[in-house]
Every structure is written in structure tokens, then in C-alpha cells.
N, C-alpha and C. Protein backbone atom coordinates (compact mmCIF):
# COMPACT_ATOMS: atom_id res chain seq x y z
N MET A 1 -114.49 -138.25 -65.03
CA MET A 1 -115.53 -137.53 -64.30
C MET A 1 -116.23 -136.58 -65.28
N LYS A 2 -117.53 -136.48 -65.15
CA LYS A 2 -118.31 -135.61 -66.02
C LYS A 2 -117.97 -134.14 -65.75
N ASP A 3 -118.03 -133.34 -66.82
CA ASP A 3 -117.68 -131.92 -66.70
C ASP A 3 -118.56 -131.19 -65.69
N TYR A 4 -119.88 -131.46 -65.72
CA TYR A 4 -120.78 -130.73 -64.84
C TYR A 4 -120.51 -131.05 -63.37
N ILE A 5 -120.03 -132.26 -63.10
CA ILE A 5 -119.70 -132.63 -61.71
C ILE A 5 -118.46 -131.86 -61.26
N GLU A 6 -117.48 -131.76 -62.15
CA GLU A 6 -116.26 -130.98 -61.83
C GLU A 6 -116.62 -129.52 -61.59
N GLU A 7 -117.47 -128.96 -62.45
CA GLU A 7 -117.88 -127.57 -62.30
C GLU A 7 -118.64 -127.36 -60.99
N ARG A 8 -119.51 -128.32 -60.66
CA ARG A 8 -120.27 -128.23 -59.41
C ARG A 8 -119.33 -128.28 -58.21
N ALA A 9 -118.35 -129.16 -58.25
CA ALA A 9 -117.40 -129.28 -57.14
C ALA A 9 -116.65 -127.97 -56.92
N VAL A 10 -116.24 -127.33 -57.99
CA VAL A 10 -115.53 -126.04 -57.89
C VAL A 10 -116.48 -124.97 -57.37
N SER A 11 -117.71 -124.95 -57.90
CA SER A 11 -118.70 -123.96 -57.46
C SER A 11 -119.02 -124.13 -55.98
N ILE A 12 -119.16 -125.37 -55.56
CA ILE A 12 -119.45 -125.66 -54.15
C ILE A 12 -118.32 -125.16 -53.26
N ALA A 13 -117.10 -125.45 -53.65
CA ALA A 13 -115.94 -125.02 -52.85
C ALA A 13 -115.89 -123.50 -52.76
N ASN A 14 -116.10 -122.83 -53.88
CA ASN A 14 -116.09 -121.36 -53.87
C ASN A 14 -117.20 -120.80 -52.99
N TYR A 15 -118.38 -121.41 -53.03
CA TYR A 15 -119.50 -120.98 -52.21
C TYR A 15 -119.16 -121.12 -50.72
N ILE A 16 -118.58 -122.27 -50.36
CA ILE A 16 -118.20 -122.52 -48.96
C ILE A 16 -117.20 -121.47 -48.49
N ILE A 17 -116.20 -121.21 -49.31
CA ILE A 17 -115.15 -120.26 -48.93
C ILE A 17 -115.71 -118.83 -48.86
N ASP A 18 -116.47 -118.42 -49.88
CA ASP A 18 -116.99 -117.05 -49.94
C ASP A 18 -117.99 -116.74 -48.83
N ASN A 19 -118.81 -117.74 -48.48
CA ASN A 19 -119.89 -117.51 -47.52
C ASN A 19 -119.62 -118.10 -46.14
N ASN A 20 -118.46 -118.71 -45.98
CA ASN A 20 -118.14 -119.39 -44.72
C ASN A 20 -119.27 -120.36 -44.37
N ALA A 21 -119.75 -121.08 -45.38
CA ALA A 21 -120.96 -121.88 -45.27
C ALA A 21 -120.71 -123.26 -44.69
N THR A 22 -121.74 -123.79 -44.06
CA THR A 22 -121.71 -125.16 -43.56
C THR A 22 -122.10 -126.12 -44.68
N VAL A 23 -121.92 -127.40 -44.44
CA VAL A 23 -122.31 -128.41 -45.42
C VAL A 23 -123.81 -128.33 -45.67
N ARG A 24 -124.59 -128.17 -44.60
CA ARG A 24 -126.05 -128.09 -44.74
C ARG A 24 -126.47 -126.88 -45.57
N GLN A 25 -125.89 -125.73 -45.28
CA GLN A 25 -126.23 -124.51 -46.03
C GLN A 25 -125.88 -124.67 -47.50
N THR A 26 -124.73 -125.25 -47.76
CA THR A 26 -124.27 -125.45 -49.13
C THR A 26 -125.16 -126.43 -49.87
N ALA A 27 -125.51 -127.52 -49.20
CA ALA A 27 -126.37 -128.53 -49.82
C ALA A 27 -127.72 -127.91 -50.20
N LYS A 28 -128.26 -127.10 -49.32
CA LYS A 28 -129.55 -126.46 -49.58
C LYS A 28 -129.43 -125.48 -50.75
N ALA A 29 -128.36 -124.71 -50.79
CA ALA A 29 -128.16 -123.72 -51.85
C ALA A 29 -128.01 -124.37 -53.23
N PHE A 30 -127.39 -125.54 -53.27
CA PHE A 30 -127.13 -126.20 -54.55
C PHE A 30 -128.16 -127.28 -54.88
N GLY A 31 -129.06 -127.55 -53.95
CA GLY A 31 -130.09 -128.56 -54.20
C GLY A 31 -129.55 -129.97 -54.30
N VAL A 32 -128.49 -130.24 -53.51
CA VAL A 32 -127.91 -131.59 -53.47
C VAL A 32 -127.87 -132.05 -52.01
N SER A 33 -127.47 -133.29 -51.80
CA SER A 33 -127.41 -133.82 -50.44
C SER A 33 -126.13 -133.39 -49.73
N LYS A 34 -126.14 -133.52 -48.42
CA LYS A 34 -124.93 -133.23 -47.64
C LYS A 34 -123.81 -134.17 -48.06
N SER A 35 -124.16 -135.40 -48.35
CA SER A 35 -123.16 -136.39 -48.79
C SER A 35 -122.48 -135.96 -50.08
N THR A 36 -123.27 -135.42 -51.00
CA THR A 36 -122.72 -134.96 -52.27
C THR A 36 -121.76 -133.80 -52.05
N VAL A 37 -122.15 -132.85 -51.20
CA VAL A 37 -121.27 -131.72 -50.89
C VAL A 37 -119.96 -132.23 -50.33
N HIS A 38 -120.06 -133.13 -49.36
CA HIS A 38 -118.87 -133.66 -48.71
C HIS A 38 -117.97 -134.39 -49.71
N LYS A 39 -118.56 -135.22 -50.56
CA LYS A 39 -117.80 -135.98 -51.54
C LYS A 39 -117.15 -135.05 -52.56
N ASP A 40 -117.90 -134.04 -53.00
CA ASP A 40 -117.35 -133.08 -53.96
C ASP A 40 -116.11 -132.39 -53.39
N VAL A 41 -116.19 -131.96 -52.15
CA VAL A 41 -115.08 -131.19 -51.56
C VAL A 41 -113.90 -132.09 -51.20
N THR A 42 -114.17 -133.25 -50.60
CA THR A 42 -113.07 -134.08 -50.11
C THR A 42 -112.44 -134.95 -51.19
N ASP A 43 -113.25 -135.56 -52.04
CA ASP A 43 -112.72 -136.49 -53.04
C ASP A 43 -112.50 -135.86 -54.41
N ARG A 44 -113.60 -135.41 -55.00
CA ARG A 44 -113.55 -134.94 -56.39
C ARG A 44 -112.68 -133.71 -56.56
N LEU A 45 -112.85 -132.74 -55.68
CA LEU A 45 -112.10 -131.49 -55.82
C LEU A 45 -110.61 -131.69 -55.56
N ALA A 46 -110.28 -132.64 -54.71
CA ALA A 46 -108.87 -132.92 -54.42
C ALA A 46 -108.13 -133.35 -55.69
N GLN A 47 -108.83 -134.01 -56.60
CA GLN A 47 -108.23 -134.43 -57.87
C GLN A 47 -108.15 -133.28 -58.87
N ILE A 48 -109.15 -132.40 -58.82
CA ILE A 48 -109.24 -131.31 -59.80
C ILE A 48 -108.35 -130.13 -59.39
N ASN A 49 -108.53 -129.68 -58.15
CA ASN A 49 -107.84 -128.48 -57.67
C ASN A 49 -107.53 -128.64 -56.17
N PRO A 50 -106.40 -129.26 -55.86
CA PRO A 50 -106.06 -129.54 -54.46
C PRO A 50 -105.97 -128.29 -53.57
N THR A 51 -105.54 -127.18 -54.11
CA THR A 51 -105.43 -125.94 -53.33
C THR A 51 -106.80 -125.45 -52.91
N LEU A 52 -107.73 -125.42 -53.86
CA LEU A 52 -109.09 -124.99 -53.57
C LEU A 52 -109.75 -125.96 -52.58
N ALA A 53 -109.49 -127.24 -52.76
CA ALA A 53 -110.04 -128.26 -51.85
C ALA A 53 -109.55 -128.03 -50.43
N ALA A 54 -108.28 -127.71 -50.27
CA ALA A 54 -107.72 -127.47 -48.95
C ALA A 54 -108.34 -126.24 -48.29
N GLN A 55 -108.58 -125.19 -49.08
CA GLN A 55 -109.20 -123.98 -48.54
C GLN A 55 -110.63 -124.26 -48.07
N ALA A 56 -111.39 -124.97 -48.89
CA ALA A 56 -112.77 -125.30 -48.52
C ALA A 56 -112.79 -126.21 -47.30
N ARG A 57 -111.87 -127.15 -47.27
CA ARG A 57 -111.78 -128.10 -46.15
C ARG A 57 -111.50 -127.36 -44.85
N LYS A 58 -110.67 -126.33 -44.93
CA LYS A 58 -110.34 -125.55 -43.73
C LYS A 58 -111.60 -124.88 -43.15
N VAL A 59 -112.42 -124.31 -44.03
CA VAL A 59 -113.66 -123.67 -43.59
C VAL A 59 -114.59 -124.72 -42.97
N LEU A 60 -114.72 -125.87 -43.63
CA LEU A 60 -115.60 -126.91 -43.12
C LEU A 60 -115.11 -127.45 -41.79
N ASP A 61 -113.82 -127.56 -41.62
CA ASP A 61 -113.27 -128.05 -40.34
C ASP A 61 -113.58 -127.08 -39.20
N VAL A 62 -113.47 -125.79 -39.48
CA VAL A 62 -113.81 -124.79 -38.46
C VAL A 62 -115.29 -124.89 -38.12
N ASN A 63 -116.12 -124.98 -39.15
CA ASN A 63 -117.57 -125.10 -38.92
C ASN A 63 -117.89 -126.35 -38.11
N LYS A 64 -117.21 -127.43 -38.42
CA LYS A 64 -117.46 -128.69 -37.70
C LYS A 64 -117.07 -128.55 -36.23
N SER A 65 -115.96 -127.86 -35.98
CA SER A 65 -115.50 -127.71 -34.60
C SER A 65 -116.42 -126.79 -33.79
N GLU A 66 -117.18 -125.95 -34.48
CA GLU A 66 -118.06 -125.00 -33.79
C GLU A 66 -119.52 -125.45 -33.78
N ARG A 67 -119.85 -126.57 -34.40
CA ARG A 67 -121.26 -126.92 -34.56
C ARG A 67 -121.97 -127.18 -33.24
N HIS A 68 -121.26 -127.69 -32.25
CA HIS A 68 -121.92 -127.93 -30.96
C HIS A 68 -122.34 -126.61 -30.31
N ILE A 69 -121.61 -125.55 -30.59
CA ILE A 69 -121.95 -124.23 -30.06
C ILE A 69 -123.22 -123.72 -30.74
N ARG A 70 -123.25 -123.83 -32.08
CA ARG A 70 -124.44 -123.38 -32.82
C ARG A 70 -125.66 -124.17 -32.40
N GLY A 71 -125.50 -125.47 -32.20
CA GLY A 71 -126.61 -126.31 -31.77
C GLY A 71 -127.14 -125.89 -30.41
N GLY A 72 -126.22 -125.58 -29.51
CA GLY A 72 -126.62 -125.13 -28.17
C GLY A 72 -127.34 -123.80 -28.21
N LEU A 73 -126.88 -122.90 -29.07
CA LEU A 73 -127.53 -121.60 -29.20
C LEU A 73 -128.93 -121.75 -29.79
N ALA A 74 -129.06 -122.64 -30.77
CA ALA A 74 -130.38 -122.86 -31.39
C ALA A 74 -131.36 -123.43 -30.36
N THR A 75 -130.88 -124.36 -29.55
CA THR A 75 -131.73 -124.94 -28.51
C THR A 75 -132.12 -123.88 -27.49
N ARG A 76 -131.18 -123.04 -27.11
CA ARG A 76 -131.44 -121.96 -26.16
C ARG A 76 -132.51 -121.03 -26.71
N GLU A 77 -132.37 -120.63 -27.97
CA GLU A 77 -133.37 -119.76 -28.61
C GLU A 77 -134.74 -120.41 -28.61
N LYS A 78 -134.78 -121.69 -28.92
CA LYS A 78 -136.04 -122.43 -28.98
C LYS A 78 -136.77 -122.34 -27.64
N TYR A 79 -136.05 -122.57 -26.57
CA TYR A 79 -136.69 -122.58 -25.25
C TYR A 79 -136.95 -121.18 -24.72
N LEU A 80 -136.18 -120.20 -25.15
CA LEU A 80 -136.46 -118.81 -24.75
C LEU A 80 -137.78 -118.35 -25.36
N HIS A 81 -138.01 -118.71 -26.61
CA HIS A 81 -139.24 -118.31 -27.30
C HIS A 81 -140.44 -119.13 -26.83
N LYS A 82 -140.19 -120.34 -26.40
CA LYS A 82 -141.27 -121.20 -25.94
C LYS A 82 -141.96 -120.61 -24.71
N GLY A 83 -141.21 -119.99 -23.83
CA GLY A 83 -141.76 -119.40 -22.62
C GLY A 83 -142.68 -118.24 -22.88
N HIS A 84 -142.52 -117.57 -24.03
CA HIS A 84 -143.34 -116.41 -24.36
C HIS A 84 -144.65 -116.77 -25.05
N GLN A 85 -144.88 -118.04 -25.31
CA GLN A 85 -146.09 -118.45 -26.02
C GLN A 85 -147.27 -118.70 -25.08
N ASP A 86 -147.05 -118.67 -23.80
CA ASP A 86 -148.12 -118.98 -22.83
C ASP A 86 -149.23 -117.99 -22.85
């Protein structure tokens, strides 16, 4: 594996842990795709630093379990603001 990919995987994991970030937020911050973030954390990082991978995975699992709530809140906000545009 290329050095810069290993460094990116570690940086991504640290970003997720430090900021309690979602895959989308992380992808946007690093200028990569969601797929790349996911692959870095689940596959590549597991080979490099399994402990760090497990910590990042824990944050992502919590975010995944809560995403339906965030989606519902975003939709609620959208329609609350829509009524004020009349």
C-alpha cells in the first residue's frame, strides 16, 4: 500500500474520532468519496492500526444508528422554513 494512502487512512480515522464526524462530513473535509472513507476505515486501517480502526468504526456505527433521526430533523426543518416563505 502506498504511504500517502496509509497516512490518509490514519488522518481520516483521527478526524472521525476527534470530530464525531459522519462519513459524508469526512469525505467532504478530505475531498474524497464516501466509498474511499469507508474503505480506508474498514479495510486499510484495519491492517495498519486495528485499535484506531475499531475506535473510528465505533463512532461511525453510532452515527449510522442515528442517521434516520438526523434525516427526520432535516426534513422537519425544511418544511418549517417552507411555511414562512409565503
